């Protein structure tokens, strides 16, 4: 049984609950690490979630994303998930920004990291149906079409704000 630490609005641990109780109950705030994997051409790697996933099956999503295990830091989870999902090891992640995803299904506190990588990617075929690099324009053109997870669309807006030269 997969367990998530439940946190308050200040990200302080207040308990532990099974995954099945957290998804579908937005009152149970839990933690997630995301990694944006760009190549040197400025394209963002996205993963197409497996059709068997319980949340947003078959939709394109953030390069790497995963829940923190109890006792794990955001950075530790980012490294673990990057290795589990894409086979990426021994890379230096740059912290970008924290965010809070709140919707009718779940509430997540997220820490997003960045890495630029042009090497081989061996994705986990039990969790991911496909991967591909998208140009920023391709992402912009597809926003709102239903091909992306709502959480990725929110992540993309945060990235654009963060990377804007006028911020």
C-alpha atoms as a PDB file:
ATOM      1  CA  UNK A   1       0.000   0.000   0.000  1.00  0.00           C
ATOM      2  CA  UNK A   2       1.441   3.354  -1.078  1.00  0.00           C
ATOM      3  CA  UNK A   3       1.434   5.947   1.725  1.00  0.00           C
ATOM      4  CA  UNK A   4       1.568   9.739   1.396  1.00  0.00           C
ATOM      5  CA  UNK A   5       2.504  12.227   4.070  1.00  0.00           C
ATOM      6  CA  UNK A   6      -0.352  14.658   4.615  1.00  0.00           C
ATOM      7  CA  UNK A   7       0.768  18.259   5.099  1.00  0.00           C
ATOM      8  CA  UNK A   8      -0.780  21.527   6.170  1.00  0.00           C
ATOM      9  CA  UNK A   9      -0.797  24.719   4.076  1.00  0.00           C
ATOM     10  CA  UNK A  10       2.738  25.456   5.371  1.00  0.00           C
ATOM     11  CA  UNK A  11       3.957  22.059   4.090  1.00  0.00           C
ATOM     12  CA  UNK A  12       4.421  20.653   7.583  1.00  0.00           C
ATOM     13  CA  UNK A  13       3.676  16.940   7.983  1.00  0.00           C
ATOM     14  CA  UNK A  14       0.520  16.309  10.003  1.00  0.00           C
ATOM     15  CA  UNK A  15      -0.126  12.651   9.216  1.00  0.00           C
ATOM     16  CA  UNK A  16       0.105   9.757   6.774  1.00  0.00           C
ATOM     17  CA  UNK A  17      -2.693   8.359   4.606  1.00  0.00           C
ATOM     18  CA  UNK A  18      -2.972   5.726   1.873  1.00  0.00           C
ATOM     19  CA  UNK A  19      -2.841   6.957  -1.729  1.00  0.00           C
ATOM     20  CA  UNK A  20      -6.394   5.772  -2.357  1.00  0.00           C
ATOM     21  CA  UNK A  21      -7.671   8.138   0.352  1.00  0.00           C
ATOM     22  CA  UNK A  22      -5.671  11.133  -0.919  1.00  0.00           C
ATOM     23  CA  UNK A  23      -6.768  10.950  -4.547  1.00  0.00           C
ATOM     24  CA  UNK A  24     -10.373  12.022  -4.627  1.00  0.00           C
ATOM     25  CA  UNK A  25     -10.159  13.952  -1.353  1.00  0.00           C
ATOM     26  CA  UNK A  26      -8.768  17.474  -1.888  1.00  0.00           C
ATOM     27  CA  UNK A  27      -8.766  18.047   1.884  1.00  0.00           C
ATOM     28  CA  UNK A  28      -5.703  15.747   2.115  1.00  0.00           C
ATOM     29  CA  UNK A  29      -2.776  17.854   0.897  1.00  0.00           C
ATOM     30  CA  UNK A  30       0.247  15.767  -0.120  1.00  0.00           C
ATOM     31  CA  UNK A  31       3.644  16.400  -1.733  1.00  0.00           C
ATOM     32  CA  UNK A  32       4.871  15.934  -5.293  1.00  0.00           C
ATOM     33  CA  UNK A  33       8.178  16.560  -7.099  1.00  0.00           C
ATOM     34  CA  UNK A  34       8.261  17.577 -10.777  1.00  0.00           C
ATOM     35  CA  UNK A  35      11.245  17.751 -13.114  1.00  0.00           C
ATOM     36  CA  UNK A  36      11.162  19.674 -16.391  1.00  0.00           C
ATOM     37  CA  UNK A  37      13.594  17.980 -18.797  1.00  0.00           C
ATOM     38  CA  UNK A  38      14.608  20.289 -21.623  1.00  0.00           C
ATOM     39  CA  UNK A  39      17.040  19.455 -24.411  1.00  0.00           C
ATOM     40  CA  UNK A  40      19.701  21.928 -25.560  1.00  0.00           C
ATOM     41  CA  UNK A  41      17.362  23.112 -28.355  1.00  0.00           C
ATOM     42  CA  UNK A  42      14.880  24.375 -25.754  1.00  0.00           C
ATOM     43  CA  UNK A  43      12.317  21.605 -26.310  1.00  0.00           C
ATOM     44  CA  UNK A  44      10.513  20.143 -23.304  1.00  0.00           C
ATOM     45  CA  UNK A  45      10.209  16.389 -22.835  1.00  0.00           C
ATOM     46  CA  UNK A  46       6.676  15.307 -22.024  1.00  0.00           C
ATOM     47  CA  UNK A  47       5.451  11.857 -21.104  1.00  0.00           C
ATOM     48  CA  UNK A  48       2.189  10.340 -22.264  1.00  0.00           C
ATOM     49  CA  UNK A  49       0.668   8.720 -19.219  1.00  0.00           C
ATOM     50  CA  UNK A  50      -0.187   5.041 -19.510  1.00  0.00           C
ATOM     51  CA  UNK A  51      -3.796   4.209 -20.318  1.00  0.00           C
ATOM     52  CA  UNK A  52      -3.773   2.116 -17.118  1.00  0.00           C
ATOM     53  CA  UNK A  53      -3.003   5.059 -14.778  1.00  0.00           C
ATOM     54  CA  UNK A  54      -5.711   5.910 -12.232  1.00  0.00           C
ATOM     55  CA  UNK A  55      -5.289   9.666 -12.755  1.00  0.00           C
ATOM     56  CA  UNK A  56      -5.440  11.305 -16.225  1.00  0.00           C
ATOM     57  CA  UNK A  57      -4.678   8.156 -18.287  1.00  0.00           C
ATOM     58  CA  UNK A  58      -3.443   8.707 -21.843  1.00  0.00           C
ATOM     59  CA  UNK A  59      -2.699  12.423 -21.427  1.00  0.00           C
ATOM     60  CA  UNK A  60       0.602  14.218 -21.948  1.00  0.00           C
ATOM     61  CA  UNK A  61       2.177  15.344 -18.689  1.00  0.00           C
ATOM     62  CA  UNK A  62       5.231  16.907 -17.070  1.00  0.00           C
ATOM     63  CA  UNK A  63       8.581  15.256 -17.908  1.00  0.00           C
ATOM     64  CA  UNK A  64       8.828  13.655 -14.470  1.00  0.00           C
ATOM     65  CA  UNK A  65       6.359  13.747 -11.634  1.00  0.00           C
ATOM     66  CA  UNK A  66       5.884  11.697  -8.533  1.00  0.00           C
ATOM     67  CA  UNK A  67       4.713  11.668  -4.970  1.00  0.00           C
ATOM     68  CA  UNK A  68       7.174  11.854  -2.119  1.00  0.00           C
ATOM     69  CA  UNK A  69       7.621   8.729  -0.041  1.00  0.00           C
ATOM     70  CA  UNK A  70       7.267   9.275   3.723  1.00  0.00           C
ATOM     71  CA  UNK A  71      10.452  10.869   5.067  1.00  0.00           C
ATOM     72  CA  UNK A  72      11.704  11.809   1.594  1.00  0.00           C
ATOM     73  CA  UNK A  73      12.667  15.347   0.546  1.00  0.00           C
ATOM     74  CA  UNK A  74      11.410  16.929  -2.660  1.00  0.00           C
ATOM     75  CA  UNK A  75      14.882  16.652  -4.199  1.00  0.00           C
ATOM     76  CA  UNK A  76      15.257  12.997  -3.220  1.00  0.00           C
ATOM     77  CA  UNK A  77      11.870  12.251  -4.804  1.00  0.00           C
ATOM     78  CA  UNK A  78      12.823  14.149  -7.972  1.00  0.00           C
ATOM     79  CA  UNK A  79      15.973  12.051  -8.383  1.00  0.00           C
ATOM     80  CA  UNK A  80      14.165   8.791  -7.596  1.00  0.00           C
ATOM     81  CA  UNK A  81      11.284   9.521  -9.975  1.00  0.00           C
ATOM     82  CA  UNK A  82      13.623  10.646 -12.797  1.00  0.00           C
ATOM     83  CA  UNK A  83      15.440   7.333 -12.532  1.00  0.00           C
ATOM     84  CA  UNK A  84      12.256   5.233 -12.186  1.00  0.00           C
ATOM     85  CA  UNK A  85      10.340   6.960 -14.995  1.00  0.00           C
ATOM     86  CA  UNK A  86      13.053   7.914 -17.522  1.00  0.00           C
ATOM     87  CA  UNK A  87      16.220   6.091 -16.468  1.00  0.00           C
ATOM     88  CA  UNK A  88      17.975   9.399 -15.744  1.00  0.00           C
ATOM     89  CA  UNK A  89      20.775   9.186 -13.171  1.00  0.00           C
ATOM     90  CA  UNK A  90      23.526  11.398 -11.785  1.00  0.00           C
ATOM     91  CA  UNK A  91      22.197  14.679 -13.176  1.00  0.00           C
ATOM     92  CA  UNK A  92      22.261  18.033 -11.401  1.00  0.00           C
ATOM     93  CA  UNK A  93      18.746  19.397 -10.955  1.00  0.00           C
ATOM     94  CA  UNK A  94      18.186  23.130 -10.564  1.00  0.00           C
ATOM     95  CA  UNK A  95      15.365  24.053  -8.178  1.00  0.00           C
ATOM     96  CA  UNK A  96      12.807  26.298  -9.896  1.00  0.00           C
ATOM     97  CA  UNK A  97       9.752  27.073  -7.775  1.00  0.00           C
ATOM     98  CA  UNK A  98       7.252  25.649  -5.315  1.00  0.00           C
ATOM     99  CA  UNK A  99       3.580  25.651  -6.231  1.00  0.00           C
ATOM    100  CA  UNK A 100       0.237  24.450  -4.960  1.00  0.00           C
ATOM    101  CA  UNK A 101      -2.139  22.499  -7.166  1.00  0.00           C
ATOM    102  CA  UNK A 102      -5.688  22.585  -5.893  1.00  0.00           C
ATOM    103  CA  UNK A 103      -8.639  21.070  -7.733  1.00  0.00           C
ATOM    104  CA  UNK A 104     -11.762  19.006  -7.087  1.00  0.00           C
ATOM    105  CA  UNK A 105      -9.772  15.760  -7.178  1.00  0.00           C
ATOM    106  CA  UNK A 106      -6.590  16.444  -5.215  1.00  0.00           C
ATOM    107  CA  UNK A 107      -4.433  18.972  -3.417  1.00  0.00           C
ATOM    108  CA  UNK A 108      -0.693  18.827  -3.959  1.00  0.00           C
ATOM    109  CA  UNK A 109       2.250  20.893  -2.823  1.00  0.00           C
ATOM    110  CA  UNK A 110       4.761  20.720  -5.664  1.00  0.00           C
ATOM    111  CA  UNK A 111       8.453  21.524  -6.010  1.00  0.00           C
ATOM    112  CA  UNK A 112       9.639  21.795  -9.609  1.00  0.00           C
ATOM    113  CA  UNK A 113      13.215  21.236 -10.791  1.00  0.00           C
ATOM    114  CA  UNK A 114      14.945  21.785 -14.128  1.00  0.00           C
ATOM    115  CA  UNK A 115      17.530  19.768 -16.025  1.00  0.00           C
ATOM    116  CA  UNK A 116      18.912  20.126 -19.548  1.00  0.00           C
ATOM    117  CA  UNK A 117      19.679  16.726 -21.021  1.00  0.00           C
ATOM    118  CA  UNK A 118      20.455  15.441 -24.512  1.00  0.00           C
ATOM    119  CA  UNK A 119      21.296  11.824 -23.723  1.00  0.00           C
ATOM    120  CA  UNK A 120      19.503   8.509 -23.959  1.00  0.00           C
ATOM    121  CA  UNK A 121      16.135   8.101 -22.265  1.00  0.00           C
ATOM    122  CA  UNK A 122      14.786   4.682 -21.315  1.00  0.00           C
ATOM    123  CA  UNK A 123      11.246   5.283 -20.098  1.00  0.00           C
ATOM    124  CA  UNK A 124       9.230   2.993 -17.850  1.00  0.00           C
ATOM    125  CA  UNK A 125       6.714   1.340 -20.181  1.00  0.00           C
ATOM    126  CA  UNK A 126       4.442   0.262 -17.323  1.00  0.00           C
ATOM    127  CA  UNK A 127       3.793   3.911 -16.389  1.00  0.00           C
ATOM    128  CA  UNK A 128       4.402   5.745 -19.673  1.00  0.00           C
ATOM    129  CA  UNK A 129       3.023   5.001 -23.150  1.00  0.00           C
ATOM    130  CA  UNK A 130       5.291   7.431 -25.037  1.00  0.00           C
ATOM    131  CA  UNK A 131       7.705  10.330 -24.663  1.00  0.00           C
ATOM    132  CA  UNK A 132       8.547  13.163 -27.001  1.00  0.00           C
ATOM    133  CA  UNK A 133      10.138  16.580 -27.028  1.00  0.00           C
ATOM    134  CA  UNK A 134       7.785  19.491 -27.711  1.00  0.00           C
ATOM    135  CA  UNK A 135       8.738  22.993 -28.797  1.00  0.00           C
ATOM    136  CA  UNK A 136       7.247  25.779 -26.699  1.00  0.00           C
ATOM    137  CA  UNK A 137       5.091  26.745 -29.690  1.00  0.00           C
ATOM    138  CA  UNK A 138       3.749  23.201 -30.054  1.00  0.00           C
ATOM    139  CA  UNK A 139       2.780  23.262 -26.378  1.00  0.00           C
ATOM    140  CA  UNK A 140       1.149  26.680 -26.722  1.00  0.00           C
ATOM    141  CA  UNK A 141      -0.810  25.516 -29.776  1.00  0.00           C
ATOM    142  CA  UNK A 142      -2.111  22.424 -27.938  1.00  0.00           C
ATOM    143  CA  UNK A 143      -3.109  24.122 -24.659  1.00  0.00           C
ATOM    144  CA  UNK A 144      -6.795  23.710 -23.923  1.00  0.00           C
ATOM    145  CA  UNK A 145      -7.210  20.890 -26.466  1.00  0.00           C
ATOM    146  CA  UNK A 146      -7.536  18.185 -23.820  1.00  0.00           C
ATOM    147  CA  UNK A 147      -4.318  16.386 -24.765  1.00  0.00           C
ATOM    148  CA  UNK A 148      -2.463  17.591 -21.634  1.00  0.00           C
ATOM    149  CA  UNK A 149      -3.235  16.910 -17.994  1.00  0.00           C
ATOM    150  CA  UNK A 150      -4.712  19.948 -16.250  1.00  0.00           C
ATOM    151  CA  UNK A 151      -1.771  19.821 -13.838  1.00  0.00           C
ATOM    152  CA  UNK A 152       0.698  20.095 -16.738  1.00  0.00           C
ATOM    153  CA  UNK A 153      -1.181  23.064 -18.187  1.00  0.00           C
ATOM    154  CA  UNK A 154      -0.872  24.736 -14.795  1.00  0.00           C
ATOM    155  CA  UNK A 155       2.831  23.788 -14.628  1.00  0.00           C
ATOM    156  CA  UNK A 156       3.410  25.280 -18.086  1.00  0.00           C
ATOM    157  CA  UNK A 157       1.913  28.614 -17.003  1.00  0.00           C
ATOM    158  CA  UNK A 158       4.170  28.630 -13.924  1.00  0.00           C
ATOM    159  CA  UNK A 159       7.204  27.846 -16.094  1.00  0.00           C
ATOM    160  CA  UNK A 160       6.331  30.673 -18.493  1.00  0.00           C
ATOM    161  CA  UNK A 161       6.010  33.120 -15.584  1.00  0.00           C
ATOM    162  CA  UNK A 162       9.247  31.886 -14.053  1.00  0.00           C
ATOM    163  CA  UNK A 163      11.238  32.007 -17.281  1.00  0.00           C
ATOM    164  CA  UNK A 164       9.828  35.322 -18.511  1.00  0.00           C
ATOM    165  CA  UNK A 165      12.567  37.950 -18.954  1.00  0.00           C
ATOM    166  CA  UNK A 166      10.281  40.598 -17.427  1.00  0.00           C
ATOM    167  CA  UNK A 167       9.778  38.891 -14.091  1.00  0.00           C
END
